Amino acid sequence: MKSQLKRGTLELCVLSILWRGDCYGYEIVNRISDCMQITEGTVYPLLKRLKDNMLIDSYIVESQEGPPRKYYTITDMGRTVKEEQEAEWTSFSTAINKLLKGD
C-alpha cells in the first residue's frame, strides 16, 4: 500500500514544489526525500511525463560548479492541475481521517 500511495501522490508533490519556484531535478528529489523515501529513478520519468503532458517545462542554466543544470518550471496548465489534485487530496484525506477516527 505504501508504494501505491507514493505513486498516487508523487505528481502532486512535484507540481507543488514547482508551484513554489523553479528547481532542477536533483533538488526536487531531495525535497521529496525529506518527506518520504524515493529514488531518482522514480522522479525523472515522472518529470518527463509531466513535460510531455505540458504541465511543466524546462530550461538549461549554466553552472559554475559543474555541468549545466536543467531546471523545471510549472506551466499555467500545471498550476490548474495542481489546484485540482490538491482539492481532491484534501477531500480524500479528510474522508479517510474521519473514517479512521470513527466519526
N, C-alpha and C. Protein backbone atom coordinates (compact mmCIF):
# COMPACT_ATOMS: atom_id res chain seq x y z
N MET A 1 0.83 -1.19 0.00
CA MET A 1 0.00 0.00 0.00
C MET A 1 0.87 1.25 0.00
N LYS A 2 1.99 1.20 0.70
CA LYS A 2 2.87 2.36 0.81
C LYS A 2 3.33 2.84 -0.56
N SER A 3 3.79 1.93 -1.41
CA SER A 3 4.28 2.33 -2.73
C SER A 3 3.15 2.85 -3.61
N GLN A 4 1.95 2.31 -3.46
CA GLN A 4 0.81 2.80 -4.24
C GLN A 4 0.43 4.21 -3.81
N LEU A 5 0.48 4.49 -2.51
CA LEU A 5 0.20 5.84 -2.03
C LEU A 5 1.23 6.83 -2.56
N LYS A 6 2.50 6.44 -2.52
CA LYS A 6 3.56 7.31 -3.04
C LYS A 6 3.32 7.60 -4.52
N ARG A 7 3.09 6.55 -5.28
CA ARG A 7 2.90 6.70 -6.72
C ARG A 7 1.71 7.61 -7.02
N GLY A 8 0.66 7.49 -6.22
CA GLY A 8 -0.53 8.28 -6.44
C GLY A 8 -0.39 9.74 -6.06
N THR A 9 0.56 10.05 -5.20
CA THR A 9 0.70 11.44 -4.74
C THR A 9 1.96 12.13 -5.26
N LEU A 10 2.83 11.40 -5.90
CA LEU A 10 4.11 11.96 -6.33
C LEU A 10 3.94 13.10 -7.34
N GLU A 11 2.99 12.96 -8.26
CA GLU A 11 2.76 14.03 -9.24
C GLU A 11 2.34 15.32 -8.53
N LEU A 12 1.46 15.21 -7.57
CA LEU A 12 1.04 16.38 -6.80
C LEU A 12 2.22 16.98 -6.04
N CYS A 13 3.07 16.14 -5.50
CA CYS A 13 4.25 16.62 -4.77
C CYS A 13 5.16 17.43 -5.69
N VAL A 14 5.44 16.90 -6.87
CA VAL A 14 6.32 17.59 -7.83
C VAL A 14 5.69 18.92 -8.26
N LEU A 15 4.42 18.89 -8.61
CA LEU A 15 3.75 20.13 -9.02
C LEU A 15 3.73 21.16 -7.89
N SER A 16 3.57 20.71 -6.66
CA SER A 16 3.56 21.62 -5.52
C SER A 16 4.92 22.26 -5.30
N ILE A 17 5.97 21.48 -5.46
CA ILE A 17 7.33 22.02 -5.33
C ILE A 17 7.58 23.08 -6.40
N LEU A 18 7.21 22.76 -7.64
CA LEU A 18 7.45 23.70 -8.74
C LEU A 18 6.51 24.91 -8.67
N TRP A 19 5.38 24.77 -8.04
CA TRP A 19 4.46 25.89 -7.85
C TRP A 19 5.12 26.97 -6.99
N ARG A 20 6.01 26.53 -6.08
CA ARG A 20 6.71 27.47 -5.20
C ARG A 20 7.93 28.10 -5.86
N GLY A 21 8.42 27.48 -6.94
CA GLY A 21 9.58 28.04 -7.63
C GLY A 21 10.28 26.99 -8.48
N ASP A 22 11.02 27.45 -9.47
CA ASP A 22 11.74 26.56 -10.38
C ASP A 22 12.82 25.77 -9.63
N CYS A 23 13.03 24.53 -10.04
CA CYS A 23 14.03 23.66 -9.40
C CYS A 23 14.66 22.76 -10.46
N TYR A 24 15.86 22.29 -10.17
CA TYR A 24 16.45 21.27 -11.02
C TYR A 24 16.11 19.90 -10.43
N GLY A 25 16.26 18.87 -11.24
CA GLY A 25 15.80 17.54 -10.89
C GLY A 25 16.29 17.02 -9.56
N TYR A 26 17.59 17.14 -9.33
CA TYR A 26 18.17 16.61 -8.09
C TYR A 26 17.59 17.33 -6.88
N GLU A 27 17.33 18.62 -7.02
CA GLU A 27 16.73 19.40 -5.94
C GLU A 27 15.31 18.91 -5.63
N ILE A 28 14.56 18.59 -6.68
CA ILE A 28 13.20 18.05 -6.50
C ILE A 28 13.27 16.72 -5.75
N VAL A 29 14.19 15.86 -6.16
CA VAL A 29 14.36 14.56 -5.50
C VAL A 29 14.66 14.77 -4.02
N ASN A 30 15.58 15.69 -3.71
CA ASN A 30 15.95 15.93 -2.31
C ASN A 30 14.80 16.46 -1.49
N ARG A 31 14.02 17.36 -2.05
CA ARG A 31 12.88 17.93 -1.31
C ARG A 31 11.85 16.85 -1.00
N ILE A 32 11.57 16.01 -1.97
CA ILE A 32 10.61 14.93 -1.73
C ILE A 32 11.19 13.92 -0.75
N SER A 33 12.48 13.64 -0.86
CA SER A 33 13.14 12.68 0.03
C SER A 33 13.11 13.13 1.48
N ASP A 34 12.96 14.43 1.71
CA ASP A 34 12.83 14.92 3.09
C ASP A 34 11.53 14.44 3.73
N CYS A 35 10.54 14.09 2.90
CA CYS A 35 9.23 13.69 3.41
C CYS A 35 8.95 12.20 3.27
N MET A 36 9.50 11.59 2.23
CA MET A 36 9.26 10.16 2.00
C MET A 36 10.44 9.56 1.26
N GLN A 37 10.59 8.27 1.36
CA GLN A 37 11.69 7.58 0.71
C GLN A 37 11.37 7.35 -0.76
N ILE A 38 12.19 7.95 -1.64
CA ILE A 38 12.04 7.77 -3.08
C ILE A 38 13.43 7.65 -3.70
N THR A 39 13.46 7.29 -4.96
CA THR A 39 14.72 7.24 -5.69
C THR A 39 14.65 8.19 -6.88
N GLU A 40 15.83 8.56 -7.37
CA GLU A 40 15.88 9.42 -8.56
C GLU A 40 15.18 8.75 -9.73
N GLY A 41 15.28 7.43 -9.81
CA GLY A 41 14.67 6.68 -10.90
C GLY A 41 13.16 6.76 -10.92
N THR A 42 12.57 7.20 -9.82
CA THR A 42 11.13 7.40 -9.76
C THR A 42 10.74 8.78 -10.28
N VAL A 43 11.55 9.78 -9.96
CA VAL A 43 11.19 11.16 -10.25
C VAL A 43 11.45 11.55 -11.70
N TYR A 44 12.59 11.16 -12.25
CA TYR A 44 12.93 11.62 -13.60
C TYR A 44 11.95 11.14 -14.68
N PRO A 45 11.48 9.91 -14.64
CA PRO A 45 10.43 9.53 -15.62
C PRO A 45 9.15 10.34 -15.43
N LEU A 46 8.82 10.66 -14.17
CA LEU A 46 7.64 11.48 -13.90
C LEU A 46 7.83 12.89 -14.47
N LEU A 47 9.02 13.46 -14.32
CA LEU A 47 9.29 14.78 -14.89
C LEU A 47 9.10 14.77 -16.41
N LYS A 48 9.57 13.71 -17.04
CA LYS A 48 9.40 13.60 -18.50
C LYS A 48 7.93 13.52 -18.87
N ARG A 49 7.17 12.73 -18.12
CA ARG A 49 5.74 12.59 -18.40
C ARG A 49 5.01 13.90 -18.18
N LEU A 50 5.35 14.61 -17.10
CA LEU A 50 4.72 15.90 -16.84
C LEU A 50 5.05 16.91 -17.94
N LYS A 51 6.28 16.84 -18.44
CA LYS A 51 6.66 17.74 -19.53
C LYS A 51 5.94 17.35 -20.82
N ASP A 52 5.86 16.07 -21.11
CA ASP A 52 5.14 15.60 -22.30
C ASP A 52 3.67 16.02 -22.26
N ASN A 53 3.10 16.09 -21.05
CA ASN A 53 1.70 16.48 -20.88
C ASN A 53 1.54 17.99 -20.72
N MET A 54 2.62 18.73 -20.89
CA MET A 54 2.65 20.19 -20.85
C MET A 54 2.25 20.77 -19.49
N LEU A 55 2.48 20.01 -18.43
CA LEU A 55 2.22 20.51 -17.09
C LEU A 55 3.43 21.23 -16.52
N ILE A 56 4.61 20.88 -17.05
CA ILE A 56 5.84 21.57 -16.69
C ILE A 56 6.64 21.83 -17.95
N ASP A 57 7.62 22.70 -17.83
CA ASP A 57 8.55 22.97 -18.92
C ASP A 57 9.95 22.96 -18.32
N SER A 58 10.96 23.03 -19.15
CA SER A 58 12.33 23.01 -18.64
C SER A 58 13.20 23.99 -19.42
N TYR A 59 14.30 24.36 -18.78
CA TYR A 59 15.30 25.22 -19.42
C TYR A 59 16.65 24.91 -18.79
N ILE A 60 17.70 25.22 -19.52
CA ILE A 60 19.06 24.92 -19.08
C ILE A 60 19.69 26.18 -18.50
N VAL A 61 20.41 26.01 -17.38
CA VAL A 61 21.15 27.10 -16.75
C VAL A 61 22.60 26.64 -16.60
N GLU A 62 23.51 27.46 -17.09
CA GLU A 62 24.94 27.16 -16.93
C GLU A 62 25.29 27.20 -15.45
N SER A 63 26.16 26.31 -15.02
CA SER A 63 26.57 26.23 -13.63
C SER A 63 28.07 26.47 -13.52
N GLN A 64 28.46 27.26 -12.55
CA GLN A 64 29.88 27.49 -12.31
C GLN A 64 30.49 26.34 -11.53
N GLU A 65 29.65 25.48 -10.98
CA GLU A 65 30.11 24.38 -10.14
C GLU A 65 30.10 23.03 -10.86
N GLY A 66 29.90 23.02 -12.16
CA GLY A 66 29.84 21.75 -12.88
C GLY A 66 29.09 21.91 -14.17
N PRO A 67 28.50 20.82 -14.64
CA PRO A 67 27.77 20.87 -15.92
C PRO A 67 26.50 21.72 -15.81
N PRO A 68 25.96 22.14 -16.93
CA PRO A 68 24.70 22.90 -16.91
C PRO A 68 23.60 22.09 -16.24
N ARG A 69 22.67 22.79 -15.61
CA ARG A 69 21.56 22.13 -14.93
C ARG A 69 20.26 22.39 -15.68
N LYS A 70 19.43 21.36 -15.74
CA LYS A 70 18.11 21.51 -16.33
C LYS A 70 17.13 21.86 -15.21
N TYR A 71 16.56 23.04 -15.32
CA TYR A 71 15.56 23.50 -14.36
C TYR A 71 14.16 23.23 -14.90
N TYR A 72 13.26 22.95 -13.99
CA TYR A 72 11.87 22.71 -14.35
C TYR A 72 11.01 23.82 -13.78
N THR A 73 9.99 24.19 -14.54
CA THR A 73 9.05 25.23 -14.13
C THR A 73 7.63 24.75 -14.43
N ILE A 74 6.69 25.15 -13.61
CA ILE A 74 5.30 24.73 -13.80
C ILE A 74 4.64 25.65 -14.83
N THR A 75 3.79 25.08 -15.65
CA THR A 75 3.06 25.86 -16.66
C THR A 75 1.70 26.27 -16.08
N ASP A 76 0.99 27.10 -16.81
CA ASP A 76 -0.36 27.50 -16.37
C ASP A 76 -1.27 26.28 -16.25
N MET A 77 -1.16 25.37 -17.21
CA MET A 77 -1.97 24.15 -17.15
C MET A 77 -1.55 23.31 -15.93
N GLY A 78 -0.26 23.27 -15.64
CA GLY A 78 0.22 22.55 -14.47
C GLY A 78 -0.31 23.14 -13.17
N ARG A 79 -0.42 24.47 -13.12
CA ARG A 79 -0.99 25.13 -11.94
C ARG A 79 -2.44 24.73 -11.74
N THR A 80 -3.19 24.67 -12.83
CA THR A 80 -4.59 24.27 -12.77
C THR A 80 -4.72 22.84 -12.28
N VAL A 81 -3.90 21.94 -12.84
CA VAL A 81 -3.94 20.53 -12.44
C VAL A 81 -3.53 20.38 -10.98
N LYS A 82 -2.53 21.13 -10.55
CA LYS A 82 -2.08 21.08 -9.16
C LYS A 82 -3.21 21.49 -8.22
N GLU A 83 -3.91 22.55 -8.55
CA GLU A 83 -5.02 23.00 -7.71
C GLU A 83 -6.14 21.96 -7.66
N GLU A 84 -6.44 21.34 -8.80
CA GLU A 84 -7.47 20.29 -8.84
C GLU A 84 -7.06 19.09 -8.00
N GLN A 85 -5.81 18.65 -8.17
CA GLN A 85 -5.32 17.49 -7.42
C GLN A 85 -5.25 17.78 -5.92
N GLU A 86 -4.87 19.00 -5.58
CA GLU A 86 -4.80 19.36 -4.16
C GLU A 86 -6.19 19.33 -3.53
N ALA A 87 -7.19 19.83 -4.25
CA ALA A 87 -8.57 19.79 -3.74
C ALA A 87 -9.03 18.34 -3.57
N GLU A 88 -8.72 17.49 -4.54
CA GLU A 88 -9.08 16.07 -4.45
C GLU A 88 -8.39 15.42 -3.26
N TRP A 89 -7.09 15.72 -3.07
CA TRP A 89 -6.33 15.15 -1.98
C TRP A 89 -6.92 15.58 -0.63
N THR A 90 -7.24 16.85 -0.50
CA THR A 90 -7.79 17.36 0.75
C THR A 90 -9.12 16.68 1.07
N SER A 91 -9.98 16.55 0.08
CA SER A 91 -11.26 15.89 0.28
C SER A 91 -11.06 14.42 0.65
N PHE A 92 -10.19 13.75 -0.07
CA PHE A 92 -9.91 12.33 0.17
C PHE A 92 -9.33 12.12 1.56
N SER A 93 -8.30 12.89 1.91
CA SER A 93 -7.63 12.69 3.21
C SER A 93 -8.56 13.04 4.37
N THR A 94 -9.43 14.03 4.20
CA THR A 94 -10.41 14.37 5.23
C THR A 94 -11.36 13.20 5.45
N ALA A 95 -11.84 12.62 4.36
CA ALA A 95 -12.76 11.48 4.46
C ALA A 95 -12.10 10.28 5.13
N ILE A 96 -10.86 9.99 4.75
CA ILE A 96 -10.15 8.84 5.34
C ILE A 96 -9.89 9.10 6.82
N ASN A 97 -9.49 10.30 7.18
CA ASN A 97 -9.23 10.62 8.59
C ASN A 97 -10.49 10.49 9.42
N LYS A 98 -11.64 10.90 8.88
CA LYS A 98 -12.90 10.73 9.59
C LYS A 98 -13.20 9.25 9.81
N LEU A 99 -12.97 8.45 8.79
CA LEU A 99 -13.22 7.02 8.89
C LEU A 99 -12.30 6.38 9.94
N LEU A 100 -11.03 6.74 9.90
CA LEU A 100 -10.05 6.17 10.84
C LEU A 100 -10.36 6.53 12.28
N LYS A 101 -10.90 7.73 12.49
CA LYS A 101 -11.22 8.19 13.84
C LYS A 101 -12.58 7.72 14.31
N GLY A 102 -13.34 7.12 13.41
CA GLY A 102 -14.66 6.60 13.77
C GLY A 102 -15.76 7.64 13.79
N ASP A 103 -15.55 8.74 13.10
CA ASP A 103 -16.57 9.80 13.05
C ASP A 103 -17.71 9.43 12.14
